């Protein structure tokens, strides 16, 4: 609606306003929530918003997360927004090189450090601001170069791993590449190689896959959208008085000449 009808709630309120610039997407930019456990993934599905997962799971485990998300979406969705965004995105490490070992040496430690740092701030760590050195702690505990590699490897390995995520129903994959001691030139080389050797295969399938997905979810999306309550009509739009008019209405003495001179001075200062 234009202007925005505003919102009044327990923790947040906003008056009627004309919001600019308007978003390009209609009816609304897609809503997402970061999920670190399956309870939040279920909540995302129930609210009709995308699940951005930070669990760093391998493809075989991702299958259960995706199935649970879409089962809840189909059967329990009550949208929190004005539309729905049924999508599951998963974070994984990324470093692509012709030599698989080089890719692991360049990318895996940084990805593991990213996970370690998240755990430090949100789960296990005790932080002393300005004193705690998370990287040093990570190094002292001996990072392991084992575990899921996701998008780390040579082009064939990366393609195969991402293909498994695709097969398990993951909609999007988000690459973590900038953590640790990665060099800028290595990141650029990796992205160029990925764009040239890996991405084209997935782009070819994307449109057909998206069409199948929307055909399957169509009835459930329609059911979810029917549960969105209508917006409260906004008639009339409330007036907003200028400062002098408001002050006069409140009974305060206002000198228009003084206000005009102050305004002129402010404008001149902003233009100079």
C-alpha atoms as a PDB file:
ATOM      1  CA  UNK A   1       0.000   0.000   0.000  1.00  0.00           C
ATOM      2  CA  UNK A   2       1.094   3.547  -0.628  1.00  0.00           C
ATOM      3  CA  UNK A   3       1.612   5.281   1.672  1.00  0.00           C
ATOM      4  CA  UNK A   4       2.626   2.563   4.096  1.00  0.00           C
ATOM      5  CA  UNK A   5      -0.113   1.920   6.677  1.00  0.00           C
ATOM      6  CA  UNK A   6       2.492   1.769   9.419  1.00  0.00           C
ATOM      7  CA  UNK A   7       2.549  -0.667  12.303  1.00  0.00           C
ATOM      8  CA  UNK A   8       1.841  -0.581  16.012  1.00  0.00           C
ATOM      9  CA  UNK A   9       3.071  -3.478  18.114  1.00  0.00           C
ATOM     10  CA  UNK A  10       4.438  -4.379  21.512  1.00  0.00           C
ATOM     11  CA  UNK A  11       8.116  -3.989  20.604  1.00  0.00           C
ATOM     12  CA  UNK A  12       8.072  -1.867  17.463  1.00  0.00           C
ATOM     13  CA  UNK A  13       5.878   0.895  16.054  1.00  0.00           C
ATOM     14  CA  UNK A  14       6.071   3.027  12.916  1.00  0.00           C
ATOM     15  CA  UNK A  15       3.600   5.723  11.795  1.00  0.00           C
ATOM     16  CA  UNK A  16       2.068   6.093   8.318  1.00  0.00           C
ATOM     17  CA  UNK A  17       4.778   7.141   5.904  1.00  0.00           C
ATOM     18  CA  UNK A  18       5.527   7.219   2.197  1.00  0.00           C
ATOM     19  CA  UNK A  19       8.569   4.953   1.874  1.00  0.00           C
ATOM     20  CA  UNK A  20      11.036   5.623  -0.937  1.00  0.00           C
ATOM     21  CA  UNK A  21      12.625   4.240  -2.956  1.00  0.00           C
ATOM     22  CA  UNK A  22      10.111   1.467  -3.596  1.00  0.00           C
ATOM     23  CA  UNK A  23      11.492  -2.104  -3.778  1.00  0.00           C
ATOM     24  CA  UNK A  24      11.899  -3.593  -7.238  1.00  0.00           C
ATOM     25  CA  UNK A  25      10.359  -6.909  -6.180  1.00  0.00           C
ATOM     26  CA  UNK A  26       6.618  -7.174  -5.875  1.00  0.00           C
ATOM     27  CA  UNK A  27       4.835  -7.751  -3.630  1.00  0.00           C
ATOM     28  CA  UNK A  28       7.888  -7.589  -1.340  1.00  0.00           C
ATOM     29  CA  UNK A  29      11.574  -8.456  -1.229  1.00  0.00           C
ATOM     30  CA  UNK A  30      11.877 -12.065  -0.018  1.00  0.00           C
ATOM     31  CA  UNK A  31      12.148 -12.625   3.718  1.00  0.00           C
ATOM     32  CA  UNK A  32      14.866 -14.896   5.172  1.00  0.00           C
ATOM     33  CA  UNK A  33      15.921 -15.980   8.641  1.00  0.00           C
ATOM     34  CA  UNK A  34      19.331 -17.341   9.670  1.00  0.00           C
ATOM     35  CA  UNK A  35      18.969 -20.844  11.117  1.00  0.00           C
ATOM     36  CA  UNK A  36      21.529 -22.684  13.226  1.00  0.00           C
ATOM     37  CA  UNK A  37      19.282 -25.579  14.267  1.00  0.00           C
ATOM     38  CA  UNK A  38      16.328 -27.579  13.031  1.00  0.00           C
ATOM     39  CA  UNK A  39      13.836 -25.839  15.333  1.00  0.00           C
ATOM     40  CA  UNK A  40      14.490 -22.532  13.569  1.00  0.00           C
ATOM     41  CA  UNK A  41      14.209 -24.222  10.168  1.00  0.00           C
ATOM     42  CA  UNK A  42      10.772 -25.512  11.141  1.00  0.00           C
ATOM     43  CA  UNK A  43       9.819 -22.032  12.358  1.00  0.00           C
ATOM     44  CA  UNK A  44      10.964 -20.518   9.048  1.00  0.00           C
ATOM     45  CA  UNK A  45       8.777 -22.947   7.116  1.00  0.00           C
ATOM     46  CA  UNK A  46       5.783 -22.262   9.352  1.00  0.00           C
ATOM     47  CA  UNK A  47       6.173 -18.498   8.857  1.00  0.00           C
ATOM     48  CA  UNK A  48       6.662 -18.836   5.104  1.00  0.00           C
ATOM     49  CA  UNK A  49      10.170 -17.389   4.992  1.00  0.00           C
ATOM     50  CA  UNK A  50      13.423 -18.708   3.564  1.00  0.00           C
ATOM     51  CA  UNK A  51      15.759 -20.738   5.777  1.00  0.00           C
ATOM     52  CA  UNK A  52      19.384 -19.590   5.631  1.00  0.00           C
ATOM     53  CA  UNK A  53      21.237 -22.387   7.376  1.00  0.00           C
ATOM     54  CA  UNK A  54      24.614 -22.066   9.064  1.00  0.00           C
ATOM     55  CA  UNK A  55      24.958 -25.694  10.093  1.00  0.00           C
ATOM     56  CA  UNK A  56      27.656 -26.648   7.547  1.00  0.00           C
ATOM     57  CA  UNK A  57      26.084 -30.045   6.998  1.00  0.00           C
ATOM     58  CA  UNK A  58      27.046 -32.511   4.301  1.00  0.00           C
ATOM     59  CA  UNK A  59      24.569 -33.314   1.500  1.00  0.00           C
ATOM     60  CA  UNK A  60      23.282 -36.537   3.058  1.00  0.00           C
ATOM     61  CA  UNK A  61      22.242 -34.703   6.218  1.00  0.00           C
ATOM     62  CA  UNK A  62      20.920 -31.736   4.246  1.00  0.00           C
ATOM     63  CA  UNK A  63      18.284 -34.028   2.752  1.00  0.00           C
ATOM     64  CA  UNK A  64      16.475 -34.370   6.084  1.00  0.00           C
ATOM     65  CA  UNK A  65      16.595 -30.648   6.790  1.00  0.00           C
ATOM     66  CA  UNK A  66      15.114 -29.834   3.378  1.00  0.00           C
ATOM     67  CA  UNK A  67      12.388 -32.478   3.613  1.00  0.00           C
ATOM     68  CA  UNK A  68      11.365 -31.283   7.058  1.00  0.00           C
ATOM     69  CA  UNK A  69      11.260 -27.653   5.932  1.00  0.00           C
ATOM     70  CA  UNK A  70       8.989 -28.352   2.973  1.00  0.00           C
ATOM     71  CA  UNK A  71       6.739 -30.733   4.913  1.00  0.00           C
ATOM     72  CA  UNK A  72       6.096 -28.022   7.488  1.00  0.00           C
ATOM     73  CA  UNK A  73       5.623 -25.401   4.769  1.00  0.00           C
ATOM     74  CA  UNK A  74       3.034 -27.516   2.979  1.00  0.00           C
ATOM     75  CA  UNK A  75       1.026 -28.400   6.069  1.00  0.00           C
ATOM     76  CA  UNK A  76       1.452 -25.598   8.622  1.00  0.00           C
ATOM     77  CA  UNK A  77       2.442 -22.375   6.856  1.00  0.00           C
ATOM     78  CA  UNK A  78       0.898 -19.186   8.248  1.00  0.00           C
ATOM     79  CA  UNK A  79       2.850 -16.360   6.550  1.00  0.00           C
ATOM     80  CA  UNK A  80       4.344 -13.634   8.680  1.00  0.00           C
ATOM     81  CA  UNK A  81       4.745 -11.355   5.631  1.00  0.00           C
ATOM     82  CA  UNK A  82       2.570 -10.384   2.683  1.00  0.00           C
ATOM     83  CA  UNK A  83       3.934 -13.223   0.559  1.00  0.00           C
ATOM     84  CA  UNK A  84       5.970 -16.411   1.021  1.00  0.00           C
ATOM     85  CA  UNK A  85       9.544 -17.357   0.185  1.00  0.00           C
ATOM     86  CA  UNK A  86       9.850 -21.173   0.246  1.00  0.00           C
ATOM     87  CA  UNK A  87      13.608 -21.616  -0.099  1.00  0.00           C
ATOM     88  CA  UNK A  88      16.439 -23.362   1.694  1.00  0.00           C
ATOM     89  CA  UNK A  89      19.950 -21.937   1.396  1.00  0.00           C
ATOM     90  CA  UNK A  90      23.005 -23.612   2.915  1.00  0.00           C
ATOM     91  CA  UNK A  91      26.444 -22.217   3.678  1.00  0.00           C
ATOM     92  CA  UNK A  92      29.507 -24.145   2.606  1.00  0.00           C
ATOM     93  CA  UNK A  93      33.211 -23.501   2.154  1.00  0.00           C
ATOM     94  CA  UNK A  94      34.536 -22.582  -1.263  1.00  0.00           C
ATOM     95  CA  UNK A  95      37.892 -22.619  -3.017  1.00  0.00           C
ATOM     96  CA  UNK A  96      38.250 -23.943  -6.545  1.00  0.00           C
ATOM     97  CA  UNK A  97      41.617 -24.842  -8.105  1.00  0.00           C
ATOM     98  CA  UNK A  98      42.747 -27.241 -10.804  1.00  0.00           C
ATOM     99  CA  UNK A  99      44.776 -29.024  -8.145  1.00  0.00           C
ATOM    100  CA  UNK A 100      42.499 -30.397  -5.430  1.00  0.00           C
ATOM    101  CA  UNK A 101      45.196 -30.343  -2.757  1.00  0.00           C
ATOM    102  CA  UNK A 102      45.962 -26.691  -3.444  1.00  0.00           C
ATOM    103  CA  UNK A 103      42.263 -25.870  -3.090  1.00  0.00           C
ATOM    104  CA  UNK A 104      42.135 -27.611   0.299  1.00  0.00           C
ATOM    105  CA  UNK A 105      45.305 -25.896   1.503  1.00  0.00           C
ATOM    106  CA  UNK A 106      43.969 -22.492   0.477  1.00  0.00           C
ATOM    107  CA  UNK A 107      40.357 -22.810   1.511  1.00  0.00           C
ATOM    108  CA  UNK A 108      39.553 -25.405   4.154  1.00  0.00           C
ATOM    109  CA  UNK A 109      41.306 -23.827   7.131  1.00  0.00           C
ATOM    110  CA  UNK A 110      39.540 -20.499   6.575  1.00  0.00           C
ATOM    111  CA  UNK A 111      36.170 -22.205   6.341  1.00  0.00           C
ATOM    112  CA  UNK A 112      36.824 -24.125   9.557  1.00  0.00           C
ATOM    113  CA  UNK A 113      37.885 -20.893  11.255  1.00  0.00           C
ATOM    114  CA  UNK A 114      34.604 -19.278  10.206  1.00  0.00           C
ATOM    115  CA  UNK A 115      32.714 -22.082  11.925  1.00  0.00           C
ATOM    116  CA  UNK A 116      34.983 -21.887  14.980  1.00  0.00           C
ATOM    117  CA  UNK A 117      34.426 -18.123  15.278  1.00  0.00           C
ATOM    118  CA  UNK A 118      30.644 -18.507  15.024  1.00  0.00           C
ATOM    119  CA  UNK A 119      30.719 -21.089  17.801  1.00  0.00           C
ATOM    120  CA  UNK A 120      32.918 -18.803  19.899  1.00  0.00           C
ATOM    121  CA  UNK A 121      30.497 -15.889  19.726  1.00  0.00           C
ATOM    122  CA  UNK A 122      27.212 -17.782  19.855  1.00  0.00           C
ATOM    123  CA  UNK A 123      27.762 -21.067  21.685  1.00  0.00           C
ATOM    124  CA  UNK A 124      30.981 -21.894  23.543  1.00  0.00           C
ATOM    125  CA  UNK A 125      33.255 -18.870  23.804  1.00  0.00           C
ATOM    126  CA  UNK A 126      34.131 -16.435  26.574  1.00  0.00           C
ATOM    127  CA  UNK A 127      35.274 -13.198  24.975  1.00  0.00           C
ATOM    128  CA  UNK A 128      37.422 -10.421  26.426  1.00  0.00           C
ATOM    129  CA  UNK A 129      37.018  -7.434  24.083  1.00  0.00           C
ATOM    130  CA  UNK A 130      40.324  -6.134  22.783  1.00  0.00           C
ATOM    131  CA  UNK A 131      42.198  -9.076  24.328  1.00  0.00           C
ATOM    132  CA  UNK A 132      40.797 -12.353  23.036  1.00  0.00           C
ATOM    133  CA  UNK A 133      42.549 -13.527  19.853  1.00  0.00           C
ATOM    134  CA  UNK A 134      40.151 -15.992  18.240  1.00  0.00           C
ATOM    135  CA  UNK A 135      42.531 -16.857  15.406  1.00  0.00           C
ATOM    136  CA  UNK A 136      45.292 -17.712  17.885  1.00  0.00           C
ATOM    137  CA  UNK A 137      42.931 -19.881  19.923  1.00  0.00           C
ATOM    138  CA  UNK A 138      41.845 -21.625  16.751  1.00  0.00           C
ATOM    139  CA  UNK A 139      45.453 -22.304  15.781  1.00  0.00           C
ATOM    140  CA  UNK A 140      46.399 -23.544  19.244  1.00  0.00           C
ATOM    141  CA  UNK A 141      43.578 -26.076  19.249  1.00  0.00           C
ATOM    142  CA  UNK A 142      44.927 -27.586  16.050  1.00  0.00           C
ATOM    143  CA  UNK A 143      42.441 -27.151  13.202  1.00  0.00           C
ATOM    144  CA  UNK A 144      41.687 -30.391  11.431  1.00  0.00           C
ATOM    145  CA  UNK A 145      41.788 -30.500   7.645  1.00  0.00           C
ATOM    146  CA  UNK A 146      39.153 -33.228   7.552  1.00  0.00           C
ATOM    147  CA  UNK A 147      35.382 -33.005   7.328  1.00  0.00           C
ATOM    148  CA  UNK A 148      32.966 -31.879   4.598  1.00  0.00           C
ATOM    149  CA  UNK A 149      34.628 -29.784   1.912  1.00  0.00           C
ATOM    150  CA  UNK A 150      31.506 -28.561   0.091  1.00  0.00           C
ATOM    151  CA  UNK A 151      32.750 -26.219  -2.618  1.00  0.00           C
ATOM    152  CA  UNK A 152      36.453 -26.815  -1.935  1.00  0.00           C
ATOM    153  CA  UNK A 153      38.344 -28.832  -4.515  1.00  0.00           C
ATOM    154  CA  UNK A 154      39.009 -29.028  -8.234  1.00  0.00           C
ATOM    155  CA  UNK A 155      36.183 -28.168 -10.678  1.00  0.00           C
ATOM    156  CA  UNK A 156      35.014 -31.771 -10.991  1.00  0.00           C
ATOM    157  CA  UNK A 157      34.904 -32.248  -7.210  1.00  0.00           C
ATOM    158  CA  UNK A 158      33.092 -28.969  -6.622  1.00  0.00           C
ATOM    159  CA  UNK A 159      30.567 -29.795  -9.346  1.00  0.00           C
ATOM    160  CA  UNK A 160      29.945 -33.237  -7.870  1.00  0.00           C
ATOM    161  CA  UNK A 161      29.508 -31.927  -4.316  1.00  0.00           C
ATOM    162  CA  UNK A 162      27.145 -29.161  -5.360  1.00  0.00           C
ATOM    163  CA  UNK A 163      25.253 -31.651  -7.491  1.00  0.00           C
ATOM    164  CA  UNK A 164      24.581 -33.670  -4.337  1.00  0.00           C
ATOM    165  CA  UNK A 165      23.138 -30.600  -2.606  1.00  0.00           C
ATOM    166  CA  UNK A 166      20.991 -29.991  -5.670  1.00  0.00           C
ATOM    167  CA  UNK A 167      19.810 -33.601  -5.679  1.00  0.00           C
ATOM    168  CA  UNK A 168      18.847 -33.369  -1.998  1.00  0.00           C
ATOM    169  CA  UNK A 169      16.616 -30.376  -2.710  1.00  0.00           C
ATOM    170  CA  UNK A 170      18.781 -27.485  -1.500  1.00  0.00           C
ATOM    171  CA  UNK A 171      17.674 -24.380  -3.393  1.00  0.00           C
ATOM    172  CA  UNK A 172      20.718 -22.171  -2.964  1.00  0.00           C
ATOM    173  CA  UNK A 173      24.305 -22.535  -1.778  1.00  0.00           C
ATOM    174  CA  UNK A 174      26.197 -19.644  -0.195  1.00  0.00           C
ATOM    175  CA  UNK A 175      29.986 -19.781  -0.385  1.00  0.00           C
ATOM    176  CA  UNK A 176      32.274 -18.786   2.479  1.00  0.00           C
ATOM    177  CA  UNK A 177      35.619 -17.862   0.968  1.00  0.00           C
ATOM    178  CA  UNK A 178      36.857 -14.713   2.695  1.00  0.00           C
ATOM    179  CA  UNK A 179      37.677 -16.175   6.133  1.00  0.00           C
ATOM    180  CA  UNK A 180      41.149 -16.970   7.442  1.00  0.00           C
ATOM    181  CA  UNK A 181      44.302 -16.015   5.558  1.00  0.00           C
ATOM    182  CA  UNK A 182      42.932 -16.338   2.028  1.00  0.00           C
ATOM    183  CA  UNK A 183      44.636 -14.075  -0.498  1.00  0.00           C
ATOM    184  CA  UNK A 184      42.597 -11.831  -2.764  1.00  0.00           C
ATOM    185  CA  UNK A 185      44.209 -13.158  -5.926  1.00  0.00           C
ATOM    186  CA  UNK A 186      43.406 -16.731  -4.904  1.00  0.00           C
ATOM    187  CA  UNK A 187      39.763 -15.797  -4.343  1.00  0.00           C
ATOM    188  CA  UNK A 188      39.533 -14.151  -7.771  1.00  0.00           C
ATOM    189  CA  UNK A 189      41.212 -17.123  -9.475  1.00  0.00           C
ATOM    190  CA  UNK A 190      38.787 -19.450  -7.729  1.00  0.00           C
ATOM    191  CA  UNK A 191      35.699 -17.485  -8.764  1.00  0.00           C
ATOM    192  CA  UNK A 192      36.873 -17.238 -12.370  1.00  0.00           C
ATOM    193  CA  UNK A 193      37.500 -20.983 -12.549  1.00  0.00           C
ATOM    194  CA  UNK A 194      34.116 -21.729 -10.979  1.00  0.00           C
ATOM    195  CA  UNK A 195      32.303 -19.411 -13.398  1.00  0.00           C
ATOM    196  CA  UNK A 196      34.044 -20.994 -16.382  1.00  0.00           C
ATOM    197  CA  UNK A 197      33.986 -24.685 -15.467  1.00  0.00           C
ATOM    198  CA  UNK A 198      31.248 -25.345 -12.897  1.00  0.00           C
ATOM    199  CA  UNK A 199      28.464 -22.760 -12.973  1.00  0.00           C
ATOM    200  CA  UNK A 200      27.259 -23.302 -16.589  1.00  0.00           C
ATOM    201  CA  UNK A 201      26.000 -26.826 -15.814  1.00  0.00           C
ATOM    202  CA  UNK A 202      23.788 -25.567 -12.997  1.00  0.00           C
ATOM    203  CA  UNK A 203      22.515 -22.569 -14.967  1.00  0.00           C
ATOM    204  CA  UNK A 204      21.292 -24.874 -17.722  1.00  0.00           C
ATOM    205  CA  UNK A 205      19.104 -26.782 -15.250  1.00  0.00           C
ATOM    206  CA  UNK A 206      17.966 -23.883 -13.096  1.00  0.00           C
ATOM    207  CA  UNK A 207      14.940 -22.697 -15.075  1.00  0.00           C
ATOM    208  CA  UNK A 208      13.462 -26.185 -15.536  1.00  0.00           C
ATOM    209  CA  UNK A 209      14.097 -27.070 -11.891  1.00  0.00           C
ATOM    210  CA  UNK A 210      12.461 -23.864 -10.680  1.00  0.00           C
ATOM    211  CA  UNK A 211       9.431 -24.509 -12.877  1.00  0.00           C
ATOM    212  CA  UNK A 212       8.969 -28.026 -11.468  1.00  0.00           C
ATOM    213  CA  UNK A 213       9.325 -26.720  -7.948  1.00  0.00           C
ATOM    214  CA  UNK A 214       6.702 -24.003  -8.366  1.00  0.00           C
ATOM    215  CA  UNK A 215       4.273 -26.432 -10.021  1.00  0.00           C
ATOM    216  CA  UNK A 216       4.609 -28.769  -7.035  1.00  0.00           C
ATOM    217  CA  UNK A 217       4.303 -26.008  -4.440  1.00  0.00           C
ATOM    218  CA  UNK A 218       1.609 -24.021  -6.252  1.00  0.00           C
ATOM    219  CA  UNK A 219      -1.413 -25.369  -4.322  1.00  0.00           C
ATOM    220  CA  UNK A 220       0.401 -25.045  -0.983  1.00  0.00           C
ATOM    221  CA  UNK A 221       1.523 -21.487  -1.731  1.00  0.00           C
ATOM    222  CA  UNK A 222      -2.054 -20.576  -2.652  1.00  0.00           C
ATOM    223  CA  UNK A 223      -3.314 -22.089   0.612  1.00  0.00           C
ATOM    224  CA  UNK A 224      -0.686 -20.207   2.618  1.00  0.00           C
ATOM    225  CA  UNK A 225      -1.449 -16.891   0.918  1.00  0.00           C
ATOM    226  CA  UNK A 226      -5.141 -17.318   1.716  1.00  0.00           C
ATOM    227  CA  UNK A 227      -4.236 -17.175   5.410  1.00  0.00           C
ATOM    228  CA  UNK A 228      -2.729 -13.680   5.172  1.00  0.00           C
ATOM    229  CA  UNK A 229      -5.155 -11.221   6.806  1.00  0.00           C
ATOM    230  CA  UNK A 230      -6.125  -8.180   4.727  1.00  0.00           C
ATOM    231  CA  UNK A 231      -4.459  -4.871   5.464  1.00  0.00           C
ATOM    232  CA  UNK A 232      -6.517  -2.450   7.511  1.00  0.00           C
ATOM    233  CA  UNK A 233      -7.947   0.270   5.237  1.00  0.00           C
ATOM    234  CA  UNK A 234      -6.232   3.624   5.698  1.00  0.00           C
ATOM    235  CA  UNK A 235      -8.903   6.272   5.285  1.00  0.00           C
ATOM    236  CA  UNK A 236      -8.293   9.032   5.879  1.00  0.00           C
ATOM    237  CA  UNK A 237      -4.498   9.335   5.891  1.00  0.00           C
ATOM    238  CA  UNK A 238      -3.598  11.203   9.111  1.00  0.00           C
ATOM    239  CA  UNK A 239      -2.316  14.757   8.741  1.00  0.00           C
ATOM    240  CA  UNK A 240       1.199  15.796   9.764  1.00  0.00           C
ATOM    241  CA  UNK A 241       1.465  19.451  10.750  1.00  0.00           C
ATOM    242  CA  UNK A 242       4.501  21.633  10.122  1.00  0.00           C
ATOM    243  CA  UNK A 243       6.370  22.625  13.272  1.00  0.00           C
ATOM    244  CA  UNK A 244       5.036  26.205  13.568  1.00  0.00           C
ATOM    245  CA  UNK A 245       1.429  25.141  12.956  1.00  0.00           C
ATOM    246  CA  UNK A 246       1.758  22.381  15.528  1.00  0.00           C
ATOM    247  CA  UNK A 247       3.240  24.706  18.143  1.00  0.00           C
ATOM    248  CA  UNK A 248       0.519  27.291  17.591  1.00  0.00           C
ATOM    249  CA  UNK A 249      -2.130  24.604  17.896  1.00  0.00           C
ATOM    250  CA  UNK A 250      -0.568  23.613  21.217  1.00  0.00           C
ATOM    251  CA  UNK A 251      -0.772  27.216  22.413  1.00  0.00           C
ATOM    252  CA  UNK A 252       2.926  28.075  22.234  1.00  0.00           C
ATOM    253  CA  UNK A 253       4.102  31.479  21.022  1.00  0.00           C
ATOM    254  CA  UNK A 254       5.917  31.165  17.693  1.00  0.00           C
ATOM    255  CA  UNK A 255       7.796  33.975  15.960  1.00  0.00           C
ATOM    256  CA  UNK A 256       7.534  33.252  12.241  1.00  0.00           C
ATOM    257  CA  UNK A 257      10.315  35.720  11.362  1.00  0.00           C
ATOM    258  CA  UNK A 258      12.741  34.024  13.716  1.00  0.00           C
ATOM    259  CA  UNK A 259      11.856  30.589  12.376  1.00  0.00           C
ATOM    260  CA  UNK A 260      12.240  31.797   8.797  1.00  0.00           C
ATOM    261  CA  UNK A 261      15.676  33.266   9.439  1.00  0.00           C
ATOM    262  CA  UNK A 262      16.871  30.090  11.167  1.00  0.00           C
ATOM    263  CA  UNK A 263      15.592  27.972   8.280  1.00  0.00           C
ATOM    264  CA  UNK A 264      17.272  30.231   5.697  1.00  0.00           C
ATOM    265  CA  UNK A 265      20.545  30.074   7.600  1.00  0.00           C
ATOM    266  CA  UNK A 266      20.360  26.261   7.797  1.00  0.00           C
ATOM    267  CA  UNK A 267      19.715  25.970   4.057  1.00  0.00           C
ATOM    268  CA  UNK A 268      22.593  28.283   3.202  1.00  0.00           C
ATOM    269  CA  UNK A 269      24.897  26.299   5.482  1.00  0.00           C
ATOM    270  CA  UNK A 270      23.920  23.044   3.814  1.00  0.00           C
ATOM    271  CA  UNK A 271      24.559  24.487   0.332  1.00  0.00           C
ATOM    272  CA  UNK A 272      27.906  26.101   1.150  1.00  0.00           C
END
